Amino acid sequence: MKLDLEGKGIIVTGGSRGIGRAIAHAFADEGSHVAICARGAEDLRATERELRERGVKVHAQTCDVSNIEALNAFLEAARSALGRVDVLVNNASGFGATDDEAGWHVGFQVDIMAAVRATWTVVPWLEDGGGGSIIHISSTSGLEAGSPPAYAAVKAALISHSKTLAIDLAPRNIRVNCVAPGSIEFPGGLWDTMKGTNTERYEAIRASIPFDRLGTAEEVANAVVFLASGAASWITGVTLSVDGGQHKGNL
């Protein structure tokens, strides 16, 4: 299968660790040029070095995507450094785990409004280039009850936003999809930490997955790269659960 991603320009927000890092790596492995941002400089620079080893153009910039000016500056710099933008992956998350003003605020500003604003900026670039792909990283938490209310609500909002955009942008040859990861384990992540601090909770989640294990960031990245590629040219408005069957609902 030809993915036709070599030489494409890819923007990944929240791209320094975990799922975002794996997505950036997967695109670079396809020969795509990659721009990433994150708040933490140390992980960002480490991932930047790893990507440059692939021999592709790389732009890495510290950025709080909830800050409008900082987000726009990153996007503009990414376009300039890469020379083109073909794919936008809205991966940054505030992980609003508390049901209070702070949890809801960070969720809406980082998960929702950063994705909305980035899309506003990038859509004209994609259209000028003849089309492209936008992918929101949601979560199976947005598909069912059981997660912190603020986190679940913003992930569900991303799914709704992507579906509406998919219909609106199809005439401009821009596809919009969501990827909804289940419980994903990677070094330093939530589940990696919980395995040592709350073994009972970790084992309960593992037992809820038919494959009897948690997913990997690379498995999510593979789905994202496919959806962004020419091989998925007739797929838009879809929310793809990448969860090993953890989500049991029909929809």
Protein backbone atom coordinates (compact mmCIF):
# COMPACT_ATOMS: atom_id res chain seq x y z
CA MET A 1 0.00 0.00 0.00
CA LYS A 2 1.35 3.41 -0.97
CA LEU A 3 0.78 6.13 1.59
CA ASP A 4 2.18 8.95 -0.57
CA LEU A 5 3.41 10.98 2.39
CA GLU A 6 7.01 11.56 1.34
CA GLY A 7 7.82 15.27 1.24
CA LYS A 8 4.51 16.29 2.84
CA GLY A 9 4.41 18.92 5.58
CA ILE A 10 2.92 17.72 8.87
CA ILE A 11 2.07 19.77 11.97
CA VAL A 12 1.59 17.92 15.27
CA THR A 13 0.65 19.84 18.40
CA GLY A 14 1.74 18.29 21.68
CA GLY A 15 4.39 16.36 19.79
CA SER A 16 7.21 15.91 22.29
CA ARG A 17 6.18 12.76 24.17
CA GLY A 18 3.75 9.88 24.25
CA ILE A 19 1.24 9.67 21.42
CA GLY A 20 2.30 12.96 19.86
CA ARG A 21 5.94 11.91 19.73
CA ALA A 22 5.01 8.56 18.19
CA ILE A 23 2.89 10.33 15.56
CA ALA A 24 5.76 12.65 14.65
CA HIS A 25 8.13 9.69 14.40
CA ALA A 26 5.73 7.73 12.21
CA PHE A 27 5.35 10.58 9.75
CA ALA A 28 9.10 11.16 9.64
CA ASP A 29 9.60 7.46 8.92
CA GLU A 30 7.36 7.97 5.86
CA GLY A 31 9.64 10.77 4.67
CA SER A 32 7.33 13.59 5.75
CA HIS A 33 8.64 16.90 7.07
CA VAL A 34 7.40 17.49 10.62
CA ALA A 35 6.71 20.44 12.90
CA ILE A 36 6.02 19.83 16.58
CA CYS A 37 5.30 21.97 19.60
CA ALA A 38 5.05 21.42 23.33
CA ARG A 39 5.32 23.41 26.54
CA GLY A 40 8.34 21.54 27.92
CA ALA A 41 11.62 22.36 26.22
CA GLU A 42 13.63 19.32 27.36
CA ASP A 43 11.39 16.64 25.85
CA LEU A 44 10.78 18.82 22.80
CA ARG A 45 14.48 19.12 22.01
CA ALA A 46 15.04 15.41 22.54
CA THR A 47 12.26 14.55 20.09
CA GLU A 48 13.56 17.15 17.65
CA ARG A 49 16.95 15.45 17.64
CA GLU A 50 15.35 12.06 17.05
CA LEU A 51 13.34 13.37 14.12
CA ARG A 52 16.33 15.04 12.49
CA GLU A 53 18.06 11.67 12.41
CA ARG A 54 15.42 10.63 9.84
CA GLY A 55 16.83 13.18 7.38
CA VAL A 56 13.63 15.23 7.08
CA LYS A 57 12.93 18.90 7.74
CA VAL A 58 12.02 19.46 11.37
CA HIS A 59 10.66 22.46 13.21
CA ALA A 60 10.24 22.32 16.99
CA GLN A 61 8.99 25.23 19.07
CA THR A 62 7.97 25.64 22.69
CA CYS A 63 4.36 26.75 22.75
CA ASP A 64 1.37 26.88 25.07
CA VAL A 65 -1.36 26.20 22.51
CA SER A 66 -3.97 27.82 24.75
CA ASN A 67 -2.22 31.14 24.08
CA ILE A 68 -3.59 32.49 20.80
CA GLU A 69 -0.52 34.50 19.89
CA ALA A 70 1.88 31.68 20.73
CA LEU A 71 -0.16 29.14 18.74
CA ASN A 72 -0.34 31.36 15.67
CA ALA A 73 3.38 32.08 15.89
CA PHE A 74 4.14 28.36 15.97
CA LEU A 75 1.87 27.60 13.01
CA GLU A 76 3.33 30.38 10.90
CA ALA A 77 6.88 29.34 11.76
CA ALA A 78 6.06 25.71 10.99
CA ARG A 79 4.72 26.60 7.55
CA SER A 80 7.80 28.67 6.80
CA ALA A 81 10.24 26.00 7.99
CA LEU A 82 8.55 23.09 6.20
CA GLY A 83 7.70 25.01 3.05
CA ARG A 84 4.19 23.53 2.93
CA VAL A 85 1.44 22.17 5.17
CA ASP A 86 -0.57 19.12 4.14
CA VAL A 87 -1.67 17.63 7.45
CA LEU A 88 -2.66 19.07 10.84
CA VAL A 89 -2.81 16.74 13.84
CA ASN A 90 -4.44 18.38 16.87
CA ASN A 91 -2.99 16.22 19.62
CA ALA A 92 -2.40 18.62 22.53
CA SER A 93 -4.48 17.97 25.65
CA GLY A 94 -4.82 19.76 28.95
CA PHE A 95 -6.00 16.52 30.65
CA GLY A 96 -8.68 18.34 32.61
CA ALA A 97 -9.23 15.70 35.28
CA THR A 98 -10.92 17.86 37.92
CA ASP A 99 -14.60 18.76 37.91
CA ASP A 100 -14.04 22.41 38.75
CA GLU A 101 -13.34 25.71 37.02
CA ALA A 102 -9.68 24.83 36.46
CA GLY A 103 -10.42 21.41 34.92
CA TRP A 104 -13.06 22.73 32.55
CA HIS A 105 -11.03 25.79 31.61
CA VAL A 106 -7.89 23.87 30.66
CA GLY A 107 -9.93 21.32 28.74
CA PHE A 108 -11.71 23.87 26.61
CA GLN A 109 -8.70 26.09 26.03
CA VAL A 110 -6.17 23.34 25.23
CA ASP A 111 -8.25 20.51 23.80
CA ILE A 112 -11.03 22.42 22.04
CA MET A 113 -10.12 26.01 21.30
CA ALA A 114 -6.52 25.27 20.36
CA ALA A 115 -7.78 22.71 17.83
CA VAL A 116 -10.43 25.11 16.53
CA ARG A 117 -7.97 27.99 16.19
CA ALA A 118 -5.29 25.85 14.56
CA THR A 119 -7.89 24.63 12.09
CA TRP A 120 -8.97 28.19 11.28
CA THR A 121 -5.36 29.05 10.47
CA VAL A 122 -4.40 25.92 8.54
CA VAL A 123 -7.50 25.34 6.38
CA PRO A 124 -6.64 28.11 3.88
CA TRP A 125 -3.13 26.67 3.54
CA LEU A 126 -4.49 23.21 2.85
CA GLU A 127 -6.93 24.61 0.31
CA ASP A 128 -4.18 26.56 -1.44
CA GLY A 129 -2.20 23.33 -1.69
CA GLY A 130 -5.08 21.47 -3.32
CA GLY A 131 -6.39 19.77 -0.20
CA GLY A 132 -5.16 17.93 2.86
CA SER A 133 -6.10 16.25 6.09
CA ILE A 134 -6.97 17.31 9.63
CA ILE A 135 -7.00 14.78 12.46
CA HIS A 136 -8.20 15.43 16.00
CA ILE A 137 -6.90 13.15 18.74
CA SER A 138 -9.95 12.48 20.87
CA SER A 139 -10.40 9.54 23.26
CA THR A 140 -12.75 6.67 23.94
CA SER A 141 -13.59 8.78 27.01
CA GLY A 142 -15.58 10.93 24.59
CA LEU A 143 -17.67 7.92 23.55
CA GLU A 144 -18.91 6.63 26.90
CA ALA A 145 -19.40 7.51 30.56
CA GLY A 146 -16.82 6.79 33.23
CA SER A 147 -14.12 9.43 32.80
CA PRO A 148 -13.74 12.81 34.53
CA PRO A 149 -16.61 15.00 33.23
CA ALA A 150 -14.49 17.82 31.82
CA TYR A 151 -12.11 15.48 30.00
CA ALA A 152 -14.94 13.37 28.55
CA ALA A 153 -16.90 16.42 27.44
CA VAL A 154 -14.08 18.06 25.53
CA LYS A 155 -13.11 14.80 23.84
CA ALA A 156 -16.75 14.35 22.76
CA ALA A 157 -16.75 17.94 21.47
CA LEU A 158 -13.73 17.17 19.29
CA ILE A 159 -15.66 14.29 17.72
CA SER A 160 -18.62 16.57 16.97
CA HIS A 161 -16.39 19.32 15.62
CA SER A 162 -14.56 16.94 13.29
CA LYS A 163 -17.81 15.55 11.86
CA THR A 164 -19.15 19.00 11.06
CA LEU A 165 -15.85 20.08 9.54
CA ALA A 166 -15.66 16.92 7.44
CA ILE A 167 -18.91 17.83 5.69
CA ASP A 168 -18.11 21.54 5.39
CA LEU A 169 -14.57 21.06 4.04
CA ALA A 170 -15.12 18.14 1.66
CA PRO A 171 -15.80 20.47 -1.30
CA ARG A 172 -12.33 21.91 -0.70
CA ASN A 173 -10.73 18.44 -0.79
CA ILE A 174 -9.92 18.55 2.91
CA ARG A 175 -10.66 15.45 4.95
CA VAL A 176 -11.29 15.61 8.70
CA ASN A 177 -11.23 12.61 11.01
CA CYS A 178 -10.85 11.72 14.69
CA VAL A 179 -8.74 9.06 16.33
CA ALA A 180 -9.99 7.94 19.73
CA PRO A 181 -7.30 6.08 21.68
CA GLY A 182 -8.23 3.85 24.57
CA SER A 183 -5.85 3.28 27.49
CA ILE A 184 -2.37 3.75 26.06
CA GLU A 185 0.79 2.97 27.99
CA PHE A 186 4.11 4.70 27.33
CA PRO A 187 7.12 5.64 29.49
CA GLY A 188 6.25 8.43 31.91
CA GLY A 189 2.58 8.41 30.94
CA LEU A 190 -0.50 8.07 33.13
CA TRP A 191 -0.80 4.30 32.89
CA ASP A 192 2.91 3.68 33.20
CA THR A 193 2.85 5.67 36.43
CA MET A 194 -0.34 4.04 37.67
CA LYS A 195 1.11 0.58 37.18
CA GLY A 196 3.42 1.36 40.08
CA THR A 197 1.19 3.59 42.21
CA ASN A 198 -2.28 2.10 41.78
CA THR A 199 -1.84 -1.49 40.65
CA GLU A 200 -5.47 -2.40 41.35
CA ARG A 201 -6.76 0.30 38.98
CA TYR A 202 -4.18 -0.58 36.32
CA GLU A 203 -5.08 -4.27 36.43
CA ALA A 204 -8.81 -3.48 36.26
CA ILE A 205 -8.26 -1.50 33.07
CA ARG A 206 -6.03 -4.18 31.59
CA ALA A 207 -8.68 -6.79 32.33
CA SER A 208 -11.32 -4.69 30.51
CA ILE A 209 -9.39 -4.97 27.23
CA PRO A 210 -9.98 -8.19 25.26
CA PHE A 211 -6.31 -8.43 24.26
CA ASP A 212 -5.33 -8.39 27.95
CA ARG A 213 -2.90 -5.51 27.56
CA LEU A 214 -2.86 -1.74 27.12
CA GLY A 215 -2.13 -0.17 23.75
CA THR A 216 1.05 1.53 22.63
CA ALA A 217 1.59 5.03 21.32
CA GLU A 218 2.96 3.55 18.11
CA GLU A 219 -0.30 1.70 17.46
CA VAL A 220 -2.19 4.99 17.68
CA ALA A 221 0.37 6.68 15.44
CA ASN A 222 -0.05 4.04 12.75
CA ALA A 223 -3.78 4.79 12.58
CA VAL A 224 -3.16 8.53 12.37
CA VAL A 225 -0.67 8.17 9.54
CA PHE A 226 -3.05 5.95 7.60
CA LEU A 227 -5.96 8.40 7.97
CA ALA A 228 -3.72 11.26 6.82
CA SER A 229 -2.48 9.37 3.79
CA GLY A 230 -3.71 9.02 0.24
CA ALA A 231 -4.65 5.44 1.05
CA ALA A 232 -7.54 6.87 3.12
CA SER A 233 -8.72 9.27 0.40
CA TRP A 234 -12.40 8.24 0.76
CA ILE A 235 -12.50 8.37 4.56
CA THR A 236 -13.77 11.53 6.23
CA GLY A 237 -15.98 12.30 9.21
CA VAL A 238 -14.92 9.09 10.93
CA THR A 239 -13.99 8.53 14.56
CA LEU A 240 -11.61 5.59 14.65
CA SER A 241 -11.27 3.92 18.04
CA VAL A 242 -7.77 2.57 18.59
CA ASP A 243 -8.33 0.64 21.78
CA GLY A 244 -8.08 -3.12 21.27
CA GLY A 245 -11.83 -3.48 21.80
CA GLN A 246 -11.88 -1.62 25.11
CA HIS A 247 -14.87 0.49 24.05
CA LYS A 248 -17.81 -1.89 23.81
CA GLY A 249 -20.51 0.34 22.31
CA ASN A 250 -21.85 -0.07 18.78
CA LEU A 251 -21.12 3.60 18.04
